[in-house]
Every structure is written in structure tokens, then in C-alpha cells.
């Protein structure tokens, strides 16, 4: 593959990544910063990626960088107050405080799974791809997180 063709293909994939990150909820500047960091990671790796592995690798690295940024900024607090939550968890506005208190008592891993499922509306297979984990274990962890959240909310009431 010629270098010019490689650069054009890489630029096209990076632009797709930026669009995907924006669709996931990142602002334009964050998406561009993540794309830049992804390119830097490509340059830092010591192995040469086969042509068919470049796109999945870029997307996996970019999405993981986005979730790292998401966790650092603690956006889950803002999302809980700005967006409607699942109706089975929240019956009225007074339950938002109960939900917030219950989520603060849970581990960050469980909270992230719940946010990915109910805020981002991701399917289990999408979550498995992003987190690079088996679907079955994610289903089990999500089930346990829901049960724990329900128990904590009932305890708070």
C-alpha cells in the first residue's frame, strides 16, 4: 500500500471515529482530541497492523479513550440530572435523589454498566465490543448491578 493511500484511508477512518464519538455524546473538541490521541497511539506501537485490523483497532482505542475521559470528568452525575432515567428505576421526581444516593454507594464499574445500558442505550453486544468482554459476563454483571441498585433504592426509601 502506498503511503499516500494509507494516509487517506487512515484519515477517513479517523473522521468516522470522530463522527461516532460525537454520536456517543462527546463534544466536537473532545472527539478531535481523542482522535489525535488515537493517531499518536498508532505511531507509538511497535508492531505493524494488518490493513484489515486498522479500523477495529482505531475504534476500540478511540472508544476506550472516550470512556476514560467520561469517567475522569464524572459526567454520570450530570447525565442523571439532565436526562430521563428508566421508568422502572424512577417513578417520580423525588426518586432522583434516592437514585443518586444509591448510585453513589455502588462501585464505579456497576454504575458505568448501568449508564451504558440505560443512558447510552447500548445493546449488550455493543457493550461487549467496547469493553472487550464476553456478553454473558456483562449480562450477569448488569443483572447484579440492577438488583443492587434496586435494593439500595428500597433501603434509601
C-alpha atoms as a PDB file:
ATOM      1  CA  UNK A   1       0.000   0.000   0.000  1.00  0.00           C
ATOM      2  CA  UNK A   2       1.425   3.388  -0.928  1.00  0.00           C
ATOM      3  CA  UNK A   3       1.937   5.872   1.898  1.00  0.00           C
ATOM      4  CA  UNK A   4      -0.467   8.396   0.359  1.00  0.00           C
ATOM      5  CA  UNK A   5      -3.211   5.775   0.086  1.00  0.00           C
ATOM      6  CA  UNK A   6      -2.505   4.645   3.652  1.00  0.00           C
ATOM      7  CA  UNK A   7      -2.752   8.221   4.938  1.00  0.00           C
ATOM      8  CA  UNK A   8      -6.021   8.798   3.077  1.00  0.00           C
ATOM      9  CA  UNK A   9      -7.506   5.577   4.446  1.00  0.00           C
ATOM     10  CA  UNK A  10      -6.329   6.456   7.952  1.00  0.00           C
ATOM     11  CA  UNK A  11      -7.820   9.955   7.695  1.00  0.00           C
ATOM     12  CA  UNK A  12     -11.147   8.503   6.544  1.00  0.00           C
ATOM     13  CA  UNK A  13     -11.239   6.083   9.488  1.00  0.00           C
ATOM     14  CA  UNK A  14     -10.334   8.860  11.928  1.00  0.00           C
ATOM     15  CA  UNK A  15     -13.156  11.034  10.567  1.00  0.00           C
ATOM     16  CA  UNK A  16     -15.565   8.100  11.050  1.00  0.00           C
ATOM     17  CA  UNK A  17     -14.310   7.751  14.623  1.00  0.00           C
ATOM     18  CA  UNK A  18     -14.900  11.450  15.304  1.00  0.00           C
ATOM     19  CA  UNK A  19     -18.457  11.172  13.981  1.00  0.00           C
ATOM     20  CA  UNK A  20     -19.096   8.050  16.049  1.00  0.00           C
ATOM     21  CA  UNK A  21     -17.749   9.666  19.232  1.00  0.00           C
ATOM     22  CA  UNK A  22     -19.939  12.720  18.674  1.00  0.00           C
ATOM     23  CA  UNK A  23     -22.920  10.407  18.213  1.00  0.00           C
ATOM     24  CA  UNK A  24     -21.999   8.709  21.510  1.00  0.00           C
ATOM     25  CA  UNK A  25     -22.137  12.055  23.321  1.00  0.00           C
ATOM     26  CA  UNK A  26     -18.654  13.552  23.096  1.00  0.00           C
ATOM     27  CA  UNK A  27     -18.409  17.183  22.126  1.00  0.00           C
ATOM     28  CA  UNK A  28     -16.547  18.050  18.933  1.00  0.00           C
ATOM     29  CA  UNK A  29     -13.357  19.163  20.707  1.00  0.00           C
ATOM     30  CA  UNK A  30     -13.178  16.029  22.867  1.00  0.00           C
ATOM     31  CA  UNK A  31     -13.793  13.819  19.820  1.00  0.00           C
ATOM     32  CA  UNK A  32     -10.969  15.521  17.916  1.00  0.00           C
ATOM     33  CA  UNK A  33      -8.626  15.238  20.921  1.00  0.00           C
ATOM     34  CA  UNK A  34      -9.412  11.532  21.240  1.00  0.00           C
ATOM     35  CA  UNK A  35      -8.804  11.048  17.505  1.00  0.00           C
ATOM     36  CA  UNK A  36      -5.454  12.813  17.877  1.00  0.00           C
ATOM     37  CA  UNK A  37      -4.507  10.606  20.827  1.00  0.00           C
ATOM     38  CA  UNK A  38      -5.519   7.546  18.816  1.00  0.00           C
ATOM     39  CA  UNK A  39      -3.190   8.559  15.971  1.00  0.00           C
ATOM     40  CA  UNK A  40      -0.388   9.069  18.496  1.00  0.00           C
ATOM     41  CA  UNK A  41      -1.021   5.552  19.846  1.00  0.00           C
ATOM     42  CA  UNK A  42      -0.766   4.155  16.304  1.00  0.00           C
ATOM     43  CA  UNK A  43       2.623   5.812  15.958  1.00  0.00           C
ATOM     44  CA  UNK A  44       3.742   4.542  19.389  1.00  0.00           C
ATOM     45  CA  UNK A  45       3.004   0.860  18.840  1.00  0.00           C
ATOM     46  CA  UNK A  46       5.947  -1.171  17.718  1.00  0.00           C
ATOM     47  CA  UNK A  47       4.079  -3.666  15.562  1.00  0.00           C
ATOM     48  CA  UNK A  48       2.623  -3.042  12.152  1.00  0.00           C
ATOM     49  CA  UNK A  49      -1.116  -3.623  11.990  1.00  0.00           C
ATOM     50  CA  UNK A  50      -2.517  -5.558   9.038  1.00  0.00           C
ATOM     51  CA  UNK A  51      -4.796  -3.472   6.822  1.00  0.00           C
ATOM     52  CA  UNK A  52      -7.946  -5.326   7.914  1.00  0.00           C
ATOM     53  CA  UNK A  53      -7.164  -4.720  11.630  1.00  0.00           C
ATOM     54  CA  UNK A  54      -6.567  -0.963  11.468  1.00  0.00           C
ATOM     55  CA  UNK A  55     -10.211   0.158  11.574  1.00  0.00           C
ATOM     56  CA  UNK A  56     -11.287  -2.071  14.524  1.00  0.00           C
ATOM     57  CA  UNK A  57      -8.136  -1.186  16.425  1.00  0.00           C
ATOM     58  CA  UNK A  58      -8.672   2.559  15.927  1.00  0.00           C
ATOM     59  CA  UNK A  59     -12.300   2.322  17.006  1.00  0.00           C
ATOM     60  CA  UNK A  60     -11.510   0.211  20.075  1.00  0.00           C
ATOM     61  CA  UNK A  61      -8.735   2.569  21.211  1.00  0.00           C
ATOM     62  CA  UNK A  62     -10.824   5.677  20.489  1.00  0.00           C
ATOM     63  CA  UNK A  63     -13.878   4.383  22.326  1.00  0.00           C
ATOM     64  CA  UNK A  64     -11.776   3.305  25.310  1.00  0.00           C
ATOM     65  CA  UNK A  65     -10.177   6.749  25.425  1.00  0.00           C
ATOM     66  CA  UNK A  66     -13.642   8.313  25.343  1.00  0.00           C
ATOM     67  CA  UNK A  67     -14.812   6.197  28.270  1.00  0.00           C
ATOM     68  CA  UNK A  68     -11.664   7.076  30.211  1.00  0.00           C
ATOM     69  CA  UNK A  69     -12.410  10.757  29.629  1.00  0.00           C
ATOM     70  CA  UNK A  70     -16.041  10.168  30.532  1.00  0.00           C
ATOM     71  CA  UNK A  71     -15.048   8.569  33.837  1.00  0.00           C
ATOM     72  CA  UNK A  72     -12.483  11.247  34.666  1.00  0.00           C
ATOM     73  CA  UNK A  73     -14.982  14.049  34.274  1.00  0.00           C
ATOM     74  CA  UNK A  74     -17.570  12.202  36.346  1.00  0.00           C
ATOM     75  CA  UNK A  75     -20.210  13.022  33.770  1.00  0.00           C
ATOM     76  CA  UNK A  76     -22.546  10.411  35.163  1.00  0.00           C
ATOM     77  CA  UNK A  77     -23.688  12.937  37.787  1.00  0.00           C
ATOM     78  CA  UNK A  78     -24.639  15.454  35.102  1.00  0.00           C
ATOM     79  CA  UNK A  79     -26.340  12.808  32.959  1.00  0.00           C
ATOM     80  CA  UNK A  80     -28.501  11.621  35.846  1.00  0.00           C
ATOM     81  CA  UNK A  81     -29.957  15.086  36.329  1.00  0.00           C
ATOM     82  CA  UNK A  82     -30.264  16.100  32.679  1.00  0.00           C
ATOM     83  CA  UNK A  83     -31.821  13.023  31.109  1.00  0.00           C
ATOM     84  CA  UNK A  84     -34.846  10.905  31.857  1.00  0.00           C
ATOM     85  CA  UNK A  85     -33.960   7.706  33.658  1.00  0.00           C
ATOM     86  CA  UNK A  86     -35.588   4.309  33.090  1.00  0.00           C
ATOM     87  CA  UNK A  87     -39.141   4.262  34.395  1.00  0.00           C
ATOM     88  CA  UNK A  88     -38.635   1.027  36.303  1.00  0.00           C
ATOM     89  CA  UNK A  89     -35.985   2.760  38.426  1.00  0.00           C
ATOM     90  CA  UNK A  90     -37.609   6.167  38.889  1.00  0.00           C
ATOM     91  CA  UNK A  91     -41.325   6.643  39.495  1.00  0.00           C
ATOM     92  CA  UNK A  92     -41.371  10.372  40.260  1.00  0.00           C
ATOM     93  CA  UNK A  93     -39.028  13.315  40.672  1.00  0.00           C
ATOM     94  CA  UNK A  94     -38.457  12.598  44.370  1.00  0.00           C
ATOM     95  CA  UNK A  95     -36.843   9.307  43.416  1.00  0.00           C
ATOM     96  CA  UNK A  96     -33.995  11.118  41.629  1.00  0.00           C
ATOM     97  CA  UNK A  97     -32.391  11.881  44.971  1.00  0.00           C
ATOM     98  CA  UNK A  98     -32.857   8.283  46.050  1.00  0.00           C
ATOM     99  CA  UNK A  99     -31.347   7.073  42.790  1.00  0.00           C
ATOM    100  CA  UNK A 100     -28.422   9.467  43.083  1.00  0.00           C
ATOM    101  CA  UNK A 101     -27.695   8.319  46.655  1.00  0.00           C
ATOM    102  CA  UNK A 102     -27.949   4.659  45.653  1.00  0.00           C
ATOM    103  CA  UNK A 103     -25.605   5.131  42.673  1.00  0.00           C
ATOM    104  CA  UNK A 104     -23.065   6.886  44.883  1.00  0.00           C
ATOM    105  CA  UNK A 105     -22.959   3.792  47.110  1.00  0.00           C
ATOM    106  CA  UNK A 106     -22.242   1.459  44.180  1.00  0.00           C
ATOM    107  CA  UNK A 107     -18.862   0.732  42.627  1.00  0.00           C
ATOM    108  CA  UNK A 108     -17.956   2.725  39.509  1.00  0.00           C
ATOM    109  CA  UNK A 109     -17.868  -0.402  37.325  1.00  0.00           C
ATOM    110  CA  UNK A 110     -21.530  -1.194  38.033  1.00  0.00           C
ATOM    111  CA  UNK A 111     -22.567   2.434  37.587  1.00  0.00           C
ATOM    112  CA  UNK A 112     -20.813   2.579  34.211  1.00  0.00           C
ATOM    113  CA  UNK A 113     -22.585  -0.579  33.054  1.00  0.00           C
ATOM    114  CA  UNK A 114     -25.966   0.868  34.055  1.00  0.00           C
ATOM    115  CA  UNK A 115     -25.193   4.157  32.301  1.00  0.00           C
ATOM    116  CA  UNK A 116     -24.056   2.419  29.140  1.00  0.00           C
ATOM    117  CA  UNK A 117     -27.219   0.312  29.087  1.00  0.00           C
ATOM    118  CA  UNK A 118     -29.847   2.870  30.099  1.00  0.00           C
ATOM    119  CA  UNK A 119     -28.362   6.275  29.242  1.00  0.00           C
ATOM    120  CA  UNK A 120     -26.431   5.437  26.111  1.00  0.00           C
ATOM    121  CA  UNK A 121     -28.994   2.784  25.064  1.00  0.00           C
ATOM    122  CA  UNK A 122     -26.223   0.393  24.059  1.00  0.00           C
ATOM    123  CA  UNK A 123     -27.003  -3.233  23.339  1.00  0.00           C
ATOM    124  CA  UNK A 124     -25.145  -5.981  25.184  1.00  0.00           C
ATOM    125  CA  UNK A 125     -23.093  -6.884  22.102  1.00  0.00           C
ATOM    126  CA  UNK A 126     -22.048  -3.240  21.667  1.00  0.00           C
ATOM    127  CA  UNK A 127     -21.058  -3.058  25.317  1.00  0.00           C
ATOM    128  CA  UNK A 128     -19.105  -6.312  24.948  1.00  0.00           C
ATOM    129  CA  UNK A 129     -17.198  -4.914  21.967  1.00  0.00           C
ATOM    130  CA  UNK A 130     -16.412  -1.611  23.697  1.00  0.00           C
ATOM    131  CA  UNK A 131     -15.306  -3.225  26.948  1.00  0.00           C
ATOM    132  CA  UNK A 132     -13.679  -6.205  25.193  1.00  0.00           C
ATOM    133  CA  UNK A 133     -15.545  -8.633  27.456  1.00  0.00           C
ATOM    134  CA  UNK A 134     -17.812 -11.661  26.914  1.00  0.00           C
ATOM    135  CA  UNK A 135     -21.526 -10.909  26.526  1.00  0.00           C
ATOM    136  CA  UNK A 136     -22.539 -13.473  29.130  1.00  0.00           C
ATOM    137  CA  UNK A 137     -20.420 -11.935  31.887  1.00  0.00           C
ATOM    138  CA  UNK A 138     -21.769  -8.469  31.048  1.00  0.00           C
ATOM    139  CA  UNK A 139     -25.339  -9.752  31.262  1.00  0.00           C
ATOM    140  CA  UNK A 140     -24.607 -11.235  34.675  1.00  0.00           C
ATOM    141  CA  UNK A 141     -22.908  -8.073  35.945  1.00  0.00           C
ATOM    142  CA  UNK A 142     -25.714  -5.891  34.604  1.00  0.00           C
ATOM    143  CA  UNK A 143     -28.311  -8.104  36.310  1.00  0.00           C
ATOM    144  CA  UNK A 144     -26.412  -7.898  39.602  1.00  0.00           C
ATOM    145  CA  UNK A 145     -25.977  -4.134  39.262  1.00  0.00           C
ATOM    146  CA  UNK A 146     -29.736  -3.668  38.684  1.00  0.00           C
ATOM    147  CA  UNK A 147     -30.574  -5.840  41.699  1.00  0.00           C
ATOM    148  CA  UNK A 148     -28.070  -3.987  43.878  1.00  0.00           C
ATOM    149  CA  UNK A 149     -29.403  -0.618  42.711  1.00  0.00           C
ATOM    150  CA  UNK A 150     -32.970  -1.714  43.399  1.00  0.00           C
ATOM    151  CA  UNK A 151     -32.029  -2.928  46.890  1.00  0.00           C
ATOM    152  CA  UNK A 152     -30.161   0.285  47.690  1.00  0.00           C
ATOM    153  CA  UNK A 153     -33.057   2.420  46.452  1.00  0.00           C
ATOM    154  CA  UNK A 154     -35.546   0.465  48.575  1.00  0.00           C
ATOM    155  CA  UNK A 155     -33.228   0.843  51.563  1.00  0.00           C
ATOM    156  CA  UNK A 156     -32.994   4.628  50.981  1.00  0.00           C
ATOM    157  CA  UNK A 157     -36.797   4.956  50.914  1.00  0.00           C
END
